Amino acid sequence: MSRPAVQLYTVRDHVRNRVGFIDALDRIAAMGYGGVQLSAVGAMDLPSPDVDSREAGALMRDRGLACVATHRPWERLRDHLADEIAFHQHLECTYVAIGGMPREYEQLGAEGYRTFLRDSGPVIARLRDAGLRFGFHNHDREFRRAAPGGSTTLFDVLIDEGGADFHLEIDVYWAWHAGVDPAVLLRRCAGRVPVIHLKDKAVGTGGPEIAAIGEGNLPWDRIFEAVVAGGVEWCAVEQDTCPRDPFDCLASSLRFLQGRLR
C-alpha cells in the first residue's frame, strides 16, 4: 500500500523556526496526511537549530506523522556520516536521499555519474549496515543523453550501474517534463523506489507551471498503477512553486489522491 506524504520543501517559507515548524505539522496532520519528508526546514539548520532531530522526531510522532525520507547534503553524508546516521535514528527515518547530483560530478557528464556511483558505494554500505536506505532524487537534467547521438541517458547510468542499494526517488513531474513517461520509468525501477515525488504540470499562458495534483496533465491513472506494481511505499506531494497558498495546494492534492492510492 502506498500512502500520501508531504515534502516540506513545499512549505519551506513556513518552517523557518520552531513555531512555524510545529504549525505546519499540525496543519498537515489535520488534513489527513500520514507522513512528511524533511527538506529545506530552516528550523533544523545547523549549526544552531531551533529544533533538533530528537525533538523533530517526537513532534512528528505525537501528530501521527512518519518521517518518510529526508534530503541531506552529499557533503554531510560523505564527511559526517556517523552524525547523519544518528540524526535519522532520532527521527525514526530509514530513508535518506540527496536532492540531485553534486556539482563536481554533474559537470563531468556520464563519467562523473560513474565516479559518483563509486564514491557513494562506501557511504551506501554504511547506511545499509545501520538500517538506512540511500536514494537519489531526479530533476529533468538527468535525462540528457550520456553521449552525443547515443540512446543512453544519464539516468540510465544510475539505473543500470547503481545496483540494488542505489534507490531512486523518482520525481514524476521532472521525468514528464523531460519527455519520459513516469509510469514506464516506475515499472522499470520496481523494487528500488520506496518514495516518489508527485506534482502536476499545468500549461498556462506563460508556459508550463507546477500545479497541485489533479490540476495538470500528468497521466495519473497509469502512474498510480505503476506505483502499486513497483512497490512504492510513500508518495510525497511536492510543489516547488505554488500559484496560491501552499497549504491549500496540499489539501487539494490530498483530495485528489484519496481513493486513488491503494
Protein backbone atom coordinates (compact mmCIF):
# COMPACT_ATOMS: atom_id res chain seq x y z
CA MET A 1 0.00 0.00 0.00
CA SER A 2 1.30 3.46 -0.90
CA ARG A 3 0.43 6.40 1.34
CA PRO A 4 0.46 10.17 0.75
CA ALA A 5 3.03 12.36 2.47
CA VAL A 6 4.18 15.98 2.22
CA GLN A 7 7.59 17.09 1.06
CA LEU A 8 8.18 20.02 3.41
CA TYR A 9 10.07 21.89 0.70
CA THR A 10 6.57 22.86 -0.43
CA VAL A 11 6.09 24.93 2.75
CA ARG A 12 9.73 25.92 3.25
CA ASP A 13 8.82 29.56 3.92
CA HIS A 14 6.64 28.44 6.84
CA VAL A 15 9.13 26.18 8.65
CA ARG A 16 11.99 28.59 9.26
CA ASN A 17 11.59 28.48 13.04
CA ARG A 18 10.17 26.21 15.73
CA VAL A 19 6.75 27.88 15.87
CA GLY A 20 6.27 27.64 12.11
CA PHE A 21 7.50 24.05 12.00
CA ILE A 22 5.03 22.94 14.66
CA ASP A 23 2.18 24.83 13.00
CA ALA A 24 2.97 23.20 9.65
CA LEU A 25 2.99 19.73 11.21
CA ASP A 26 -0.35 20.44 12.90
CA ARG A 27 -1.94 21.57 9.64
CA ILE A 28 -0.55 18.68 7.60
CA ALA A 29 -1.71 16.11 10.15
CA ALA A 30 -5.17 17.71 10.32
CA MET A 31 -5.50 17.37 6.53
CA GLY A 32 -5.02 13.61 6.82
CA TYR A 33 -1.50 13.09 5.51
CA GLY A 34 0.41 10.22 7.09
CA GLY A 35 3.97 11.45 6.79
CA VAL A 36 6.40 14.18 5.85
CA GLN A 37 9.78 14.42 4.18
CA LEU A 38 12.27 16.76 5.84
CA SER A 39 13.82 19.10 3.30
CA ALA A 40 14.57 22.83 3.47
CA VAL A 41 13.38 23.00 7.09
CA GLY A 42 15.13 26.15 8.26
CA ALA A 43 14.20 25.45 11.88
CA MET A 44 16.56 22.46 11.79
CA ASP A 45 19.52 24.08 10.05
CA LEU A 46 22.96 23.70 11.61
CA PRO A 47 24.90 24.91 13.50
CA SER A 48 22.21 26.22 15.88
CA PRO A 49 18.91 24.53 15.07
CA ASP A 50 15.68 25.79 16.60
CA VAL A 51 14.51 22.16 16.55
CA ASP A 52 16.95 19.27 16.79
CA SER A 53 16.38 15.80 15.35
CA ARG A 54 15.24 14.31 18.68
CA GLU A 55 12.56 16.94 19.15
CA ALA A 56 11.55 16.84 15.49
CA GLY A 57 11.06 13.09 15.69
CA ALA A 58 8.91 13.44 18.81
CA LEU A 59 6.86 16.27 17.30
CA MET A 60 6.07 14.19 14.23
CA ARG A 61 5.24 11.05 16.18
CA ASP A 62 2.96 12.99 18.54
CA ARG A 63 0.92 14.01 15.49
CA GLY A 64 0.83 10.58 13.90
CA LEU A 65 3.24 11.59 11.16
CA ALA A 66 6.02 9.33 9.94
CA CYS A 67 9.28 10.81 8.72
CA VAL A 68 9.26 9.04 5.37
CA ALA A 69 12.51 10.48 3.98
CA THR A 70 14.97 13.33 4.14
CA HIS A 71 17.06 15.30 1.70
CA ARG A 72 20.57 15.74 3.05
CA PRO A 73 23.63 17.41 1.53
CA TRP A 74 26.04 14.93 -0.01
CA GLU A 75 28.89 16.62 1.87
CA ARG A 76 27.23 15.81 5.20
CA LEU A 77 26.87 12.16 4.27
CA ARG A 78 30.42 11.97 2.96
CA ASP A 79 32.14 13.79 5.81
CA HIS A 80 29.87 13.36 8.86
CA LEU A 81 28.19 10.03 8.29
CA ALA A 82 28.06 8.92 11.93
CA ASP A 83 26.25 12.14 12.84
CA GLU A 84 23.87 11.67 9.92
CA ILE A 85 23.07 8.11 10.96
CA ALA A 86 22.26 9.32 14.49
CA PHE A 87 20.16 12.17 13.02
CA HIS A 88 17.99 9.67 11.12
CA GLN A 89 17.73 7.28 14.04
CA HIS A 90 16.36 10.10 16.21
CA LEU A 91 13.75 10.76 13.52
CA GLU A 92 12.98 7.03 13.13
CA CYS A 93 13.53 7.65 9.43
CA THR A 94 15.05 4.87 7.33
CA TYR A 95 15.41 6.68 4.01
CA VAL A 96 17.98 9.37 3.26
CA ALA A 97 18.16 10.91 -0.19
CA ILE A 98 20.14 13.61 -1.90
CA GLY A 99 18.34 16.23 -3.97
CA GLY A 100 20.43 15.83 -7.12
CA MET A 101 23.87 15.06 -8.48
CA PRO A 102 26.57 17.10 -6.69
CA ARG A 103 28.01 19.77 -8.98
CA GLU A 104 31.52 18.36 -9.10
CA TYR A 105 30.15 15.13 -10.60
CA GLU A 106 27.37 16.69 -12.68
CA GLN A 107 29.74 18.82 -14.71
CA LEU A 108 31.66 15.72 -15.87
CA GLY A 109 28.67 14.05 -17.53
CA ALA A 110 28.43 10.28 -17.69
CA GLU A 111 31.91 9.70 -16.29
CA GLY A 112 31.06 11.99 -13.39
CA TYR A 113 27.94 9.93 -12.72
CA ARG A 114 30.00 6.75 -12.73
CA THR A 115 32.55 8.32 -10.41
CA PHE A 116 29.74 9.27 -8.04
CA LEU A 117 28.49 5.70 -8.05
CA ARG A 118 31.95 4.52 -7.00
CA ASP A 119 32.43 7.25 -4.39
CA SER A 120 28.99 6.76 -2.86
CA GLY A 121 29.40 2.99 -2.52
CA PRO A 122 31.08 3.01 0.92
CA VAL A 123 28.57 5.56 2.24
CA ILE A 124 25.64 3.49 1.00
CA ALA A 125 27.13 0.36 2.58
CA ARG A 126 27.48 2.04 5.98
CA LEU A 127 23.95 3.38 5.75
CA ARG A 128 22.69 -0.10 4.89
CA ASP A 129 24.53 -1.59 7.87
CA ALA A 130 22.75 0.99 10.07
CA GLY A 131 19.35 0.02 8.64
CA LEU A 132 19.07 3.04 6.33
CA ARG A 133 18.44 3.25 2.60
CA PHE A 134 20.05 5.75 0.25
CA GLY A 135 18.17 7.46 -2.57
CA PHE A 136 18.74 9.87 -5.44
CA HIS A 137 16.16 12.48 -6.48
CA ASN A 138 15.95 13.46 -10.14
CA HIS A 139 15.11 16.66 -11.97
CA ASP A 140 14.98 16.85 -15.77
CA ARG A 141 18.72 17.20 -16.45
CA GLU A 142 19.40 13.54 -15.59
CA PHE A 143 17.55 12.54 -18.75
CA ARG A 144 20.10 14.15 -21.06
CA ARG A 145 21.98 11.80 -23.36
CA ALA A 146 25.09 10.29 -21.81
CA ALA A 147 26.91 10.71 -25.13
CA PRO A 148 26.08 12.74 -28.25
CA GLY A 149 23.99 10.70 -30.65
CA GLY A 150 23.55 7.84 -28.19
CA SER A 151 20.35 6.45 -26.73
CA THR A 152 21.53 6.03 -23.12
CA THR A 153 20.65 8.82 -20.70
CA LEU A 154 22.49 9.83 -17.55
CA PHE A 155 19.61 8.39 -15.54
CA ASP A 156 20.09 5.08 -17.36
CA VAL A 157 23.62 5.03 -15.92
CA LEU A 158 22.19 5.29 -12.40
CA ILE A 159 19.56 2.62 -13.05
CA ASP A 160 21.81 0.14 -14.83
CA GLU A 161 25.04 0.61 -12.89
CA GLY A 162 23.87 1.76 -9.46
CA GLY A 163 22.96 -1.63 -8.04
CA ALA A 164 20.09 -2.70 -5.84
CA ASP A 165 21.12 -0.49 -2.89
CA PHE A 166 21.10 2.67 -5.01
CA HIS A 167 17.46 3.65 -4.64
CA LEU A 168 15.71 6.18 -6.86
CA GLU A 169 13.42 8.88 -5.51
CA ILE A 170 11.64 9.47 -8.80
CA ASP A 171 10.02 12.85 -9.33
CA VAL A 172 7.25 12.17 -11.82
CA TYR A 173 6.87 15.83 -12.85
CA TRP A 174 10.51 16.25 -13.84
CA ALA A 175 10.51 12.97 -15.75
CA TRP A 176 7.37 14.08 -17.65
CA HIS A 177 8.92 17.50 -18.25
CA ALA A 178 11.96 15.77 -19.79
CA GLY A 179 9.75 13.76 -22.14
CA VAL A 180 9.91 10.49 -20.19
CA ASP A 181 6.76 8.57 -19.26
CA PRO A 182 6.94 8.31 -15.44
CA ALA A 183 4.75 5.20 -15.41
CA VAL A 184 7.20 3.36 -17.65
CA LEU A 185 10.10 4.61 -15.54
CA LEU A 186 8.49 3.46 -12.28
CA ARG A 187 7.85 -0.01 -13.67
CA ARG A 188 11.42 -0.25 -14.90
CA CYS A 189 12.75 0.66 -11.44
CA ALA A 190 10.29 -1.52 -9.49
CA GLY A 191 11.61 -2.51 -6.08
CA ARG A 192 14.09 0.38 -5.93
CA VAL A 193 11.65 3.26 -5.41
CA PRO A 194 10.34 3.40 -1.82
CA VAL A 195 9.39 7.10 -2.09
CA ILE A 196 8.38 9.20 -5.09
CA HIS A 197 7.61 12.88 -5.55
CA LEU A 198 4.26 13.94 -7.01
CA LYS A 199 3.41 17.25 -8.61
CA ASP A 200 1.33 18.07 -11.65
CA LYS A 201 2.13 20.02 -14.80
CA ALA A 202 -0.33 22.66 -15.94
CA VAL A 203 0.14 24.61 -19.15
CA GLY A 204 -0.65 28.30 -18.74
CA THR A 205 -0.22 31.34 -20.89
CA GLY A 206 3.37 31.75 -19.76
CA GLY A 207 4.41 28.15 -20.33
CA PRO A 208 4.49 25.03 -18.13
CA GLU A 209 3.56 25.56 -14.48
CA ILE A 210 3.86 23.28 -11.45
CA ALA A 211 0.36 22.58 -10.19
CA ALA A 212 -1.44 20.74 -7.42
CA ILE A 213 -2.13 17.08 -8.16
CA GLY A 214 -5.09 16.69 -10.49
CA GLU A 215 -4.84 20.24 -11.84
CA GLY A 216 -2.46 19.43 -14.69
CA ASN A 217 -1.91 16.90 -17.45
CA LEU A 218 0.15 14.06 -15.98
CA PRO A 219 -1.26 10.55 -16.73
CA TRP A 220 -2.24 9.78 -13.15
CA ASP A 221 -4.15 6.55 -13.77
CA ARG A 222 -1.08 4.97 -15.37
CA ILE A 223 1.21 6.42 -12.73
CA PHE A 224 -0.84 5.02 -9.85
CA GLU A 225 -0.94 1.58 -11.48
CA ALA A 226 2.86 1.70 -11.72
CA VAL A 227 3.10 2.88 -8.10
CA VAL A 228 1.28 -0.25 -6.96
CA ALA A 229 3.18 -2.55 -9.30
CA GLY A 230 6.53 -1.08 -8.26
CA GLY A 231 6.07 -1.35 -4.51
CA VAL A 232 6.22 2.40 -3.81
CA GLU A 233 5.65 2.97 -0.09
CA TRP A 234 5.10 6.73 0.07
CA CYS A 235 4.00 9.33 -2.47
CA ALA A 236 5.34 12.68 -1.30
CA VAL A 237 3.46 15.69 -2.65
CA GLU A 238 5.88 18.45 -3.57
CA GLN A 239 5.31 21.79 -5.25
CA ASP A 240 8.43 23.79 -5.95
CA THR A 241 6.21 26.79 -6.62
CA CYS A 242 2.54 27.29 -5.79
CA PRO A 243 0.10 29.62 -7.59
CA ARG A 244 -1.80 30.08 -4.30
CA ASP A 245 -1.36 29.27 -0.62
CA PRO A 246 0.76 26.10 -0.45
CA PHE A 247 -1.35 24.55 2.30
CA ASP A 248 -4.41 24.95 0.06
CA CYS A 249 -2.50 23.21 -2.73
CA LEU A 250 -1.57 20.37 -0.36
CA ALA A 251 -5.20 19.96 0.70
CA SER A 252 -6.35 19.94 -2.93
CA SER A 253 -3.72 17.36 -3.85
CA LEU A 254 -4.76 15.10 -0.99
CA ARG A 255 -8.41 15.23 -2.03
CA PHE A 256 -7.37 14.07 -5.50
CA LEU A 257 -5.18 11.28 -4.13
CA GLN A 258 -7.72 9.88 -1.69
CA GLY A 259 -9.34 6.83 -3.21
CA ARG A 260 -6.73 6.62 -5.96
CA LEU A 261 -3.75 5.44 -3.92
CA ARG A 262 -4.12 1.91 -2.66
